Amino acid sequence: MSLRIGTRASALALAQARLVAGALGEGEIVEVSTRGDRGAAAGDKSRWVGELEAALAGGEVDVAVHSAKDVPGELGAGLEIAAVPARADARDAVCGAAGLDALGAGARVGTSSLRRRALLLADRPDLEVVEMRGNVDTRLGKLADGDYDAIVLARAGLERLGRTGEAGDTLPAETFVPAPGQGALALETRAGDDATRAALSVLDDPRAHACLRAERALCAAIGASCHTPVGAWASIEGETMALTAFAGRPDGSAWARDRLEGPAGDPEALGQAVGARLLGAGAAEILAHAEARAAGAETR
């Protein structure tokens, strides 16, 4: 069965779509321009997936390939995540320096991620964390031009673009908690499209899919949004899943962390349990502060 594979047109998105097409053995790649690609303001994940979901719903494509960390908590009506291929490295990487410890006080570190900003400043409040935009190639170009002393990127993106040689240090997921879904691909289809689901089933990695379910359940449990710095990383050993979570203020002044183990066969329950524990540790106030900060920025 030859599927029409919808994707954004960025170099990374196309590399990911080609991985899926290659694994299927055939398929037509259909490029879809999203609001994010056209420069829509940050803070709304739907800017990366909305047009792809519309193409799915309209029958223009059979499957949409997303970076799982870009997929909002609520999918478009009548759509579902049908498969999650084997996950790439979920961790973040420092580019431009051997590691965070190698950066001097006041070093300029570029990132577009509130989560990375919160984690960086929680660990190194002496750093100057600077907003940066653009795709991976653009960001690495800005680093090479000397605009930043270092930048932090997802290692999976560097791997898929063949640029891991530009990573200095890979940050441990246990402490520098990745974004929910980082390193994973989400293959989204129309609910009830059994033929497409069957074709994609050969790509589904049950362990990766379960980990994504746990991480997304955590986000739902704490009411995480694009404005809230949240990390979630699940891993499986045997029949046990471990879920590590982080929620923090963007300025690094307050944060909550947790780690809990549970049965790998019930990832949503583990995500909900960790979410409840985070809320009990003060995450609700932390996230409310982040939301208020974002609302204030939008009105200025």
C-alpha atoms as a PDB file:
ATOM      1  CA  MET A   1       0.000   0.000   0.000  1.00  0.00           C
ATOM      2  CA  SER A   2       1.518   3.331  -1.089  1.00  0.00           C
ATOM      3  CA  LEU A   3       0.688   6.092   1.388  1.00  0.00           C
ATOM      4  CA  ARG A   4       0.690   9.843   0.902  1.00  0.00           C
ATOM      5  CA  ILE A   5       2.985  11.046   3.688  1.00  0.00           C
ATOM      6  CA  GLY A   6       2.380  14.605   4.849  1.00  0.00           C
ATOM      7  CA  THR A   7       5.262  16.608   6.282  1.00  0.00           C
ATOM      8  CA  ARG A   8       6.535  20.103   6.824  1.00  0.00           C
ATOM      9  CA  ALA A   9       9.171  21.226   4.316  1.00  0.00           C
ATOM     10  CA  SER A  10      12.047  21.913   6.732  1.00  0.00           C
ATOM     11  CA  ALA A  11      15.219  19.875   6.303  1.00  0.00           C
ATOM     12  CA  LEU A  12      14.607  18.005   9.565  1.00  0.00           C
ATOM     13  CA  ALA A  13      10.930  17.315   8.849  1.00  0.00           C
ATOM     14  CA  LEU A  14      11.764  16.006   5.388  1.00  0.00           C
ATOM     15  CA  ALA A  15      14.521  13.792   6.795  1.00  0.00           C
ATOM     16  CA  GLN A  16      11.996  12.334   9.239  1.00  0.00           C
ATOM     17  CA  ALA A  17       9.393  11.766   6.510  1.00  0.00           C
ATOM     18  CA  ARG A  18      12.003  10.031   4.354  1.00  0.00           C
ATOM     19  CA  LEU A  19      12.831   7.723   7.262  1.00  0.00           C
ATOM     20  CA  VAL A  20       9.179   6.726   7.405  1.00  0.00           C
ATOM     21  CA  ALA A  21       8.885   6.313   3.632  1.00  0.00           C
ATOM     22  CA  GLY A  22      12.065   4.236   3.561  1.00  0.00           C
ATOM     23  CA  ALA A  23      10.852   1.990   6.372  1.00  0.00           C
ATOM     24  CA  LEU A  24       7.547   1.455   4.551  1.00  0.00           C
ATOM     25  CA  GLY A  25       9.362   0.703   1.313  1.00  0.00           C
ATOM     26  CA  GLU A  26       7.222   3.141  -0.650  1.00  0.00           C
ATOM     27  CA  GLY A  27       5.158   6.266  -0.262  1.00  0.00           C
ATOM     28  CA  GLU A  28       4.667   9.709  -1.749  1.00  0.00           C
ATOM     29  CA  ILE A  29       5.957  12.606   0.353  1.00  0.00           C
ATOM     30  CA  VAL A  30       3.623  15.597   0.316  1.00  0.00           C
ATOM     31  CA  GLU A  31       5.022  18.889   1.623  1.00  0.00           C
ATOM     32  CA  VAL A  32       2.601  21.044   3.628  1.00  0.00           C
ATOM     33  CA  SER A  33       3.378  24.607   4.702  1.00  0.00           C
ATOM     34  CA  THR A  34       2.366  25.312   8.306  1.00  0.00           C
ATOM     35  CA  ARG A  35       1.813  28.576  10.134  1.00  0.00           C
ATOM     36  CA  GLY A  36       5.012  27.931  12.050  1.00  0.00           C
ATOM     37  CA  ASP A  37       6.967  27.663   8.820  1.00  0.00           C
ATOM     38  CA  ARG A  38       5.454  30.973   7.735  1.00  0.00           C
ATOM     39  CA  GLY A  39       6.626  32.714  10.889  1.00  0.00           C
ATOM     40  CA  ALA A  40       3.627  32.450  13.221  1.00  0.00           C
ATOM     41  CA  ALA A  41       4.337  33.639  16.744  1.00  0.00           C
ATOM     42  CA  ALA A  42       5.803  31.173  19.212  1.00  0.00           C
ATOM     43  CA  GLY A  43       3.771  29.659  22.020  1.00  0.00           C
ATOM     44  CA  ASP A  44       1.206  27.604  20.122  1.00  0.00           C
ATOM     45  CA  LYS A  45       2.126  24.058  19.123  1.00  0.00           C
ATOM     46  CA  SER A  46      -0.706  23.913  16.612  1.00  0.00           C
ATOM     47  CA  ARG A  47       1.309  26.246  14.397  1.00  0.00           C
ATOM     48  CA  TRP A  48       3.472  23.241  13.482  1.00  0.00           C
ATOM     49  CA  VAL A  49       0.703  20.670  12.982  1.00  0.00           C
ATOM     50  CA  GLY A  50      -2.578  22.468  12.210  1.00  0.00           C
ATOM     51  CA  GLU A  51      -2.252  22.474   8.426  1.00  0.00           C
ATOM     52  CA  LEU A  52      -1.025  18.877   8.431  1.00  0.00           C
ATOM     53  CA  GLU A  53      -4.076  17.839  10.437  1.00  0.00           C
ATOM     54  CA  ALA A  54      -6.285  19.755   8.000  1.00  0.00           C
ATOM     55  CA  ALA A  55      -4.657  17.898   5.097  1.00  0.00           C
ATOM     56  CA  LEU A  56      -5.371  14.614   6.893  1.00  0.00           C
ATOM     57  CA  ALA A  57      -8.973  15.487   7.633  1.00  0.00           C
ATOM     58  CA  GLY A  58      -9.464  16.643   4.040  1.00  0.00           C
ATOM     59  CA  GLY A  59      -8.084  13.434   2.567  1.00  0.00           C
ATOM     60  CA  GLU A  60      -5.083  15.121   0.944  1.00  0.00           C
ATOM     61  CA  VAL A  61      -2.620  12.873   2.818  1.00  0.00           C
ATOM     62  CA  ASP A  62      -2.959   9.486   4.531  1.00  0.00           C
ATOM     63  CA  VAL A  63      -0.485  10.006   7.365  1.00  0.00           C
ATOM     64  CA  ALA A  64       1.206  13.045   8.894  1.00  0.00           C
ATOM     65  CA  VAL A  65       4.711  12.709  10.296  1.00  0.00           C
ATOM     66  CA  HIS A  66       5.311  14.922  13.327  1.00  0.00           C
ATOM     67  CA  SER A  67       8.085  15.420  15.820  1.00  0.00           C
ATOM     68  CA  ALA A  68       6.116  14.075  18.780  1.00  0.00           C
ATOM     69  CA  LYS A  69       7.163  16.989  20.997  1.00  0.00           C
ATOM     70  CA  ASP A  70       5.332  19.363  18.601  1.00  0.00           C
ATOM     71  CA  VAL A  71       1.969  17.579  18.864  1.00  0.00           C
ATOM     72  CA  PRO A  72      -0.565  19.391  21.101  1.00  0.00           C
ATOM     73  CA  GLY A  73      -2.201  17.479  23.920  1.00  0.00           C
ATOM     74  CA  GLU A  74      -5.513  17.501  22.065  1.00  0.00           C
ATOM     75  CA  LEU A  75      -5.477  16.116  18.527  1.00  0.00           C
ATOM     76  CA  GLY A  76      -7.710  17.362  15.738  1.00  0.00           C
ATOM     77  CA  ALA A  77     -11.219  15.924  15.644  1.00  0.00           C
ATOM     78  CA  GLY A  78     -11.342  12.442  14.145  1.00  0.00           C
ATOM     79  CA  LEU A  79      -7.559  11.982  14.210  1.00  0.00           C
ATOM     80  CA  GLU A  80      -5.287   9.674  16.191  1.00  0.00           C
ATOM     81  CA  ILE A  81      -1.641   8.750  16.670  1.00  0.00           C
ATOM     82  CA  ALA A  82      -1.507   5.384  14.918  1.00  0.00           C
ATOM     83  CA  ALA A  83       2.168   4.544  15.337  1.00  0.00           C
ATOM     84  CA  VAL A  84       5.353   5.665  17.068  1.00  0.00           C
ATOM     85  CA  PRO A  85       8.567   4.298  15.507  1.00  0.00           C
ATOM     86  CA  ALA A  86      11.600   3.391  17.610  1.00  0.00           C
ATOM     87  CA  ARG A  87      12.700   6.486  19.481  1.00  0.00           C
ATOM     88  CA  ALA A  88      15.947   8.302  18.786  1.00  0.00           C
ATOM     89  CA  ASP A  89      18.044   9.784  21.601  1.00  0.00           C
ATOM     90  CA  ALA A  90      15.669  11.902  23.683  1.00  0.00           C
ATOM     91  CA  ARG A  91      18.385  14.009  25.306  1.00  0.00           C
ATOM     92  CA  ASP A  92      19.475  17.586  24.668  1.00  0.00           C
ATOM     93  CA  ALA A  93      22.952  18.480  23.448  1.00  0.00           C
ATOM     94  CA  VAL A  94      25.164  21.516  23.987  1.00  0.00           C
ATOM     95  CA  CYS A  95      26.701  22.867  20.779  1.00  0.00           C
ATOM     96  CA  GLY A  96      29.591  25.325  20.769  1.00  0.00           C
ATOM     97  CA  ALA A  97      31.096  24.220  24.085  1.00  0.00           C
ATOM     98  CA  ALA A  98      32.358  21.027  25.663  1.00  0.00           C
ATOM     99  CA  GLY A  99      29.504  21.253  28.156  1.00  0.00           C
ATOM    100  CA  LEU A 100      27.656  23.599  30.468  1.00  0.00           C
ATOM    101  CA  ASP A 101      30.492  23.451  32.994  1.00  0.00           C
ATOM    102  CA  ALA A 102      32.866  24.758  30.317  1.00  0.00           C
ATOM    103  CA  LEU A 103      30.890  28.008  29.963  1.00  0.00           C
ATOM    104  CA  GLY A 104      32.048  31.017  31.929  1.00  0.00           C
ATOM    105  CA  ALA A 105      29.808  33.329  33.929  1.00  0.00           C
ATOM    106  CA  GLY A 106      27.734  35.529  31.637  1.00  0.00           C
ATOM    107  CA  ALA A 107      28.074  33.230  28.625  1.00  0.00           C
ATOM    108  CA  ARG A 108      25.323  33.710  26.019  1.00  0.00           C
ATOM    109  CA  VAL A 109      23.341  30.511  25.479  1.00  0.00           C
ATOM    110  CA  GLY A 110      20.686  30.428  22.755  1.00  0.00           C
ATOM    111  CA  THR A 111      17.417  28.515  22.912  1.00  0.00           C
ATOM    112  CA  SER A 112      13.802  28.952  21.849  1.00  0.00           C
ATOM    113  CA  SER A 113      12.552  26.540  24.521  1.00  0.00           C
ATOM    114  CA  LEU A 114      11.059  27.720  27.817  1.00  0.00           C
ATOM    115  CA  ARG A 115      11.890  24.311  29.286  1.00  0.00           C
ATOM    116  CA  ARG A 116      15.565  24.606  28.338  1.00  0.00           C
ATOM    117  CA  ARG A 117      15.646  28.184  29.635  1.00  0.00           C
ATOM    118  CA  ALA A 118      14.195  27.095  32.992  1.00  0.00           C
ATOM    119  CA  LEU A 119      16.587  24.145  33.311  1.00  0.00           C
ATOM    120  CA  LEU A 120      19.621  26.196  32.304  1.00  0.00           C
ATOM    121  CA  LEU A 121      18.888  29.002  34.753  1.00  0.00           C
ATOM    122  CA  ALA A 122      17.961  26.595  37.554  1.00  0.00           C
ATOM    123  CA  ASP A 123      21.441  25.055  37.212  1.00  0.00           C
ATOM    124  CA  ARG A 124      23.422  28.103  36.074  1.00  0.00           C
ATOM    125  CA  PRO A 125      21.724  31.398  37.021  1.00  0.00           C
ATOM    126  CA  ASP A 126      24.903  33.193  35.962  1.00  0.00           C
ATOM    127  CA  LEU A 127      24.282  32.421  32.268  1.00  0.00           C
ATOM    128  CA  GLU A 128      22.665  34.845  29.833  1.00  0.00           C
ATOM    129  CA  VAL A 129      19.991  32.740  28.157  1.00  0.00           C
ATOM    130  CA  VAL A 130      18.997  34.398  24.887  1.00  0.00           C
ATOM    131  CA  GLU A 131      15.975  33.827  22.654  1.00  0.00           C
ATOM    132  CA  MET A 132      16.787  32.305  19.269  1.00  0.00           C
ATOM    133  CA  ARG A 133      14.646  31.243  16.318  1.00  0.00           C
ATOM    134  CA  GLY A 134      15.045  29.291  13.097  1.00  0.00           C
ATOM    135  CA  ASN A 135      15.549  25.693  12.058  1.00  0.00           C
ATOM    136  CA  VAL A 136      18.543  23.593  13.128  1.00  0.00           C
ATOM    137  CA  ASP A 137      20.731  24.752  10.245  1.00  0.00           C
ATOM    138  CA  THR A 138      19.892  28.409  10.926  1.00  0.00           C
ATOM    139  CA  ARG A 139      20.661  28.066  14.620  1.00  0.00           C
ATOM    140  CA  LEU A 140      23.983  26.342  14.002  1.00  0.00           C
ATOM    141  CA  GLY A 141      24.803  29.089  11.505  1.00  0.00           C
ATOM    142  CA  LYS A 142      24.126  31.776  14.129  1.00  0.00           C
ATOM    143  CA  LEU A 143      26.382  29.894  16.549  1.00  0.00           C
ATOM    144  CA  ALA A 144      29.145  29.755  13.926  1.00  0.00           C
ATOM    145  CA  ASP A 145      28.743  33.502  13.327  1.00  0.00           C
ATOM    146  CA  GLY A 146      29.472  34.145  16.997  1.00  0.00           C
ATOM    147  CA  ASP A 147      26.003  35.312  18.010  1.00  0.00           C
ATOM    148  CA  TYR A 148      26.078  32.872  20.944  1.00  0.00           C
ATOM    149  CA  ASP A 149      28.711  31.148  23.054  1.00  0.00           C
ATOM    150  CA  ALA A 150      26.640  27.951  22.958  1.00  0.00           C
ATOM    151  CA  ILE A 151      23.210  26.708  21.981  1.00  0.00           C
ATOM    152  CA  VAL A 152      21.136  23.760  23.168  1.00  0.00           C
ATOM    153  CA  LEU A 153      19.429  21.504  20.617  1.00  0.00           C
ATOM    154  CA  ALA A 154      17.738  18.100  20.588  1.00  0.00           C
ATOM    155  CA  ARG A 155      20.340  15.446  19.888  1.00  0.00           C
ATOM    156  CA  ALA A 156      17.810  13.499  17.804  1.00  0.00           C
ATOM    157  CA  GLY A 157      17.543  16.368  15.316  1.00  0.00           C
ATOM    158  CA  LEU A 158      21.308  16.546  14.968  1.00  0.00           C
ATOM    159  CA  GLU A 159      21.426  12.784  14.392  1.00  0.00           C
ATOM    160  CA  ARG A 160      18.732  12.847  11.719  1.00  0.00           C
ATOM    161  CA  LEU A 161      20.532  15.655   9.889  1.00  0.00           C
ATOM    162  CA  GLY A 162      23.929  13.962  10.176  1.00  0.00           C
ATOM    163  CA  ARG A 163      25.342  16.767  12.341  1.00  0.00           C
ATOM    164  CA  THR A 164      26.126  15.038  15.646  1.00  0.00           C
ATOM    165  CA  GLY A 165      29.761  16.075  15.216  1.00  0.00           C
ATOM    166  CA  GLU A 166      28.688  19.581  16.198  1.00  0.00           C
ATOM    167  CA  ALA A 167      27.468  18.469  19.632  1.00  0.00           C
ATOM    168  CA  GLY A 168      29.854  19.080  22.496  1.00  0.00           C
ATOM    169  CA  ASP A 169      28.128  17.351  25.390  1.00  0.00           C
ATOM    170  CA  THR A 170      24.914  15.373  25.713  1.00  0.00           C
ATOM    171  CA  LEU A 171      22.992  16.392  28.816  1.00  0.00           C
ATOM    172  CA  PRO A 172      21.688  13.627  31.118  1.00  0.00           C
ATOM    173  CA  ALA A 173      17.937  13.103  30.823  1.00  0.00           C
ATOM    174  CA  GLU A 174      17.658  12.357  34.538  1.00  0.00           C
ATOM    175  CA  THR A 175      18.581  15.971  35.402  1.00  0.00           C
ATOM    176  CA  PHE A 176      18.158  17.997  32.190  1.00  0.00           C
ATOM    177  CA  VAL A 177      14.735  16.498  31.546  1.00  0.00           C
ATOM    178  CA  PRO A 178      13.791  16.350  27.825  1.00  0.00           C
ATOM    179  CA  ALA A 179      10.598  17.729  26.344  1.00  0.00           C
ATOM    180  CA  PRO A 180       7.652  15.295  26.329  1.00  0.00           C
ATOM    181  CA  GLY A 181       7.998  13.239  23.156  1.00  0.00           C
ATOM    182  CA  GLN A 182      11.484  14.502  22.297  1.00  0.00           C
ATOM    183  CA  GLY A 183      13.310  12.117  19.971  1.00  0.00           C
ATOM    184  CA  ALA A 184      10.084  10.332  18.993  1.00  0.00           C
ATOM    185  CA  LEU A 185       8.016  10.585  15.826  1.00  0.00           C
ATOM    186  CA  ALA A 186       4.220  10.551  15.948  1.00  0.00           C
ATOM    187  CA  LEU A 187       2.478   9.137  12.880  1.00  0.00           C
ATOM    188  CA  GLU A 188      -1.007  10.629  12.835  1.00  0.00           C
ATOM    189  CA  THR A 189      -3.902   9.267  10.766  1.00  0.00           C
ATOM    190  CA  ARG A 190      -7.658   9.514  10.458  1.00  0.00           C
ATOM    191  CA  ALA A 191      -9.405   7.492  13.147  1.00  0.00           C
ATOM    192  CA  GLY A 192     -11.041   4.456  11.593  1.00  0.00           C
ATOM    193  CA  ASP A 193      -8.624   4.297   8.643  1.00  0.00           C
ATOM    194  CA  ASP A 194      -7.851   0.644   9.265  1.00  0.00           C
ATOM    195  CA  ALA A 195      -5.884   0.154   6.037  1.00  0.00           C
ATOM    196  CA  THR A 196      -3.433   2.941   6.872  1.00  0.00           C
ATOM    197  CA  ARG A 197      -3.170   1.828  10.485  1.00  0.00           C
ATOM    198  CA  ALA A 198      -2.350  -1.703   9.329  1.00  0.00           C
ATOM    199  CA  ALA A 199       0.307  -0.405   6.935  1.00  0.00           C
ATOM    200  CA  LEU A 200       1.898   1.644   9.709  1.00  0.00           C
ATOM    201  CA  SER A 201       1.769  -1.137  12.274  1.00  0.00           C
ATOM    202  CA  VAL A 202       5.111  -2.485  11.052  1.00  0.00           C
ATOM    203  CA  LEU A 203       6.735   0.782  12.144  1.00  0.00           C
ATOM    204  CA  ASP A 204       5.188   0.960  15.608  1.00  0.00           C
ATOM    205  CA  ASP A 205       7.549   0.366  18.519  1.00  0.00           C
ATOM    206  CA  PRO A 206       5.391  -0.606  21.514  1.00  0.00           C
ATOM    207  CA  ARG A 207       7.957   0.629  24.040  1.00  0.00           C
ATOM    208  CA  ALA A 208       8.362   4.037  22.383  1.00  0.00           C
ATOM    209  CA  HIS A 209       4.597   4.341  21.991  1.00  0.00           C
ATOM    210  CA  ALA A 210       4.017   3.510  25.660  1.00  0.00           C
ATOM    211  CA  CYS A 211       6.624   6.052  26.782  1.00  0.00           C
ATOM    212  CA  LEU A 212       4.972   8.753  24.669  1.00  0.00           C
ATOM    213  CA  ARG A 213       1.579   7.880  26.164  1.00  0.00           C
ATOM    214  CA  ALA A 214       2.982   8.289  29.690  1.00  0.00           C
ATOM    215  CA  GLU A 215       4.613  11.621  28.896  1.00  0.00           C
ATOM    216  CA  ARG A 216       1.479  12.996  27.236  1.00  0.00           C
ATOM    217  CA  ALA A 217      -0.662  11.772  30.155  1.00  0.00           C
ATOM    218  CA  LEU A 218       1.585  13.672  32.558  1.00  0.00           C
ATOM    219  CA  CYS A 219       1.162  16.873  30.547  1.00  0.00           C
ATOM    220  CA  ALA A 220      -2.606  16.446  30.529  1.00  0.00           C
ATOM    221  CA  ALA A 221      -2.651  15.789  34.278  1.00  0.00           C
ATOM    222  CA  ILE A 222      -0.876  19.045  35.145  1.00  0.00           C
ATOM    223  CA  GLY A 223      -2.513  21.153  32.435  1.00  0.00           C
ATOM    224  CA  ALA A 224       0.764  21.848  30.639  1.00  0.00           C
ATOM    225  CA  SER A 225       0.668  24.186  27.653  1.00  0.00           C
ATOM    226  CA  CYS A 226       3.089  25.778  25.212  1.00  0.00           C
ATOM    227  CA  HIS A 227       3.674  28.516  27.787  1.00  0.00           C
ATOM    228  CA  THR A 228       4.750  26.188  30.602  1.00  0.00           C
ATOM    229  CA  PRO A 229       8.313  24.874  30.981  1.00  0.00           C
ATOM    230  CA  VAL A 230       7.698  21.139  31.424  1.00  0.00           C
ATOM    231  CA  GLY A 231       9.945  18.146  30.889  1.00  0.00           C
ATOM    232  CA  ALA A 232       8.896  14.495  30.856  1.00  0.00           C
ATOM    233  CA  TRP A 233      11.000  11.455  30.057  1.00  0.00           C
ATOM    234  CA  ALA A 234       9.843   7.847  30.315  1.00  0.00           C
ATOM    235  CA  SER A 235      12.022   4.757  29.971  1.00  0.00           C
ATOM    236  CA  ILE A 236      11.317   1.045  30.247  1.00  0.00           C
ATOM    237  CA  GLU A 237      13.384  -1.687  31.877  1.00  0.00           C
ATOM    238  CA  GLY A 238      11.774  -5.114  31.669  1.00  0.00           C
ATOM    239  CA  GLU A 239       8.162  -4.697  32.760  1.00  0.00           C
ATOM    240  CA  THR A 240       8.804  -1.475  34.674  1.00  0.00           C
ATOM    241  CA  MET A 241       8.474   2.064  33.370  1.00  0.00           C
ATOM    242  CA  ALA A 242      10.203   5.012  35.040  1.00  0.00           C
ATOM    243  CA  LEU A 243       8.915   8.540  34.455  1.00  0.00           C
ATOM    244  CA  THR A 244      11.000  11.600  35.298  1.00  0.00           C
ATOM    245  CA  ALA A 245       9.314  15.020  35.250  1.00  0.00           C
ATOM    246  CA  PHE A 246      10.206  18.674  35.675  1.00  0.00           C
ATOM    247  CA  ALA A 247       8.172  21.877  35.882  1.00  0.00           C
ATOM    248  CA  GLY A 248       9.816  25.234  36.417  1.00  0.00           C
ATOM    249  CA  ARG A 249       9.566  28.973  36.100  1.00  0.00           C
ATOM    250  CA  PRO A 250      11.218  30.337  32.928  1.00  0.00           C
ATOM    251  CA  ASP A 251      13.674  32.358  35.041  1.00  0.00           C
ATOM    252  CA  GLY A 252      14.831  29.262  36.942  1.00  0.00           C
ATOM    253  CA  SER A 253      13.782  30.710  40.303  1.00  0.00           C
ATOM    254  CA  ALA A 254      11.463  27.841  41.274  1.00  0.00           C
ATOM    255  CA  TRP A 255      10.913  24.320  40.065  1.00  0.00           C
ATOM    256  CA  ALA A 256       9.533  20.906  40.980  1.00  0.00           C
ATOM    257  CA  ARG A 257      10.903  17.498  40.003  1.00  0.00           C
ATOM    258  CA  ASP A 258       9.723  13.942  40.463  1.00  0.00           C
ATOM    259  CA  ARG A 259      10.522  10.390  39.396  1.00  0.00           C
ATOM    260  CA  LEU A 260       8.274   7.394  39.837  1.00  0.00           C
ATOM    261  CA  GLU A 261       8.199   3.806  38.618  1.00  0.00           C
ATOM    262  CA  GLY A 262       5.158   1.745  37.672  1.00  0.00           C
ATOM    263  CA  PRO A 263       3.955  -1.089  35.427  1.00  0.00           C
ATOM    264  CA  ALA A 264       4.975  -0.520  31.807  1.00  0.00           C
ATOM    265  CA  GLY A 265       1.582  -1.857  30.755  1.00  0.00           C
ATOM    266  CA  ASP A 266      -0.313   1.124  32.163  1.00  0.00           C
ATOM    267  CA  PRO A 267       1.579   4.256  31.008  1.00  0.00           C
ATOM    268  CA  GLU A 268      -1.357   6.638  31.413  1.00  0.00           C
ATOM    269  CA  ALA A 269      -1.746   5.698  35.081  1.00  0.00           C
ATOM    270  CA  LEU A 270       1.932   6.426  35.706  1.00  0.00           C
ATOM    271  CA  GLY A 271       1.687   9.770  33.915  1.00  0.00           C
ATOM    272  CA  GLN A 272      -1.351  10.734  35.963  1.00  0.00           C
ATOM    273  CA  ALA A 273       0.331   9.658  39.207  1.00  0.00           C
ATOM    274  CA  VAL A 274       3.469  11.691  38.539  1.00  0.00           C
ATOM    275  CA  GLY A 275       1.300  14.630  37.519  1.00  0.00           C
ATOM    276  CA  ALA A 276      -0.595  14.474  40.813  1.00  0.00           C
ATOM    277  CA  ARG A 277       2.657  14.331  42.766  1.00  0.00           C
ATOM    278  CA  LEU A 278       4.066  17.314  40.858  1.00  0.00           C
ATOM    279  CA  LEU A 279       0.945  19.335  41.568  1.00  0.00           C
ATOM    280  CA  GLY A 280       1.238  18.404  45.229  1.00  0.00           C
ATOM    281  CA  ALA A 281       4.843  19.650  45.184  1.00  0.00           C
ATOM    282  CA  GLY A 282       3.819  23.098  43.979  1.00  0.00           C
ATOM    283  CA  ALA A 283       3.806  22.704  40.205  1.00  0.00           C
ATOM    284  CA  ALA A 284       0.369  24.344  39.891  1.00  0.00           C
ATOM    285  CA  GLU A 285       1.677  27.647  41.256  1.00  0.00           C
ATOM    286  CA  ILE A 286       4.848  27.383  39.186  1.00  0.00           C
ATOM    287  CA  LEU A 287       2.938  26.777  35.962  1.00  0.00           C
ATOM    288  CA  ALA A 288       0.369  29.478  36.761  1.00  0.00           C
ATOM    289  CA  HIS A 289       3.252  31.934  37.124  1.00  0.00           C
ATOM    290  CA  ALA A 290       4.604  30.884  33.708  1.00  0.00           C
ATOM    291  CA  GLU A 291       1.170  31.284  32.107  1.00  0.00           C
ATOM    292  CA  ALA A 292       0.746  34.744  33.646  1.00  0.00           C
ATOM    293  CA  ARG A 293       4.189  35.745  32.416  1.00  0.00           C
ATOM    294  CA  ALA A 294       3.308  34.622  28.895  1.00  0.00           C
ATOM    295  CA  ALA A 295      -0.030  36.456  28.983  1.00  0.00           C
ATOM    296  CA  GLY A 296       1.711  39.625  30.072  1.00  0.00           C
ATOM    297  CA  ALA A 297       4.243  39.325  27.243  1.00  0.00           C
ATOM    298  CA  GLU A 298       1.455  38.919  24.684  1.00  0.00           C
ATOM    299  CA  THR A 299      -0.295  42.106  25.810  1.00  0.00           C
ATOM    300  CA  ARG A 300       2.831  44.239  25.600  1.00  0.00           C
END
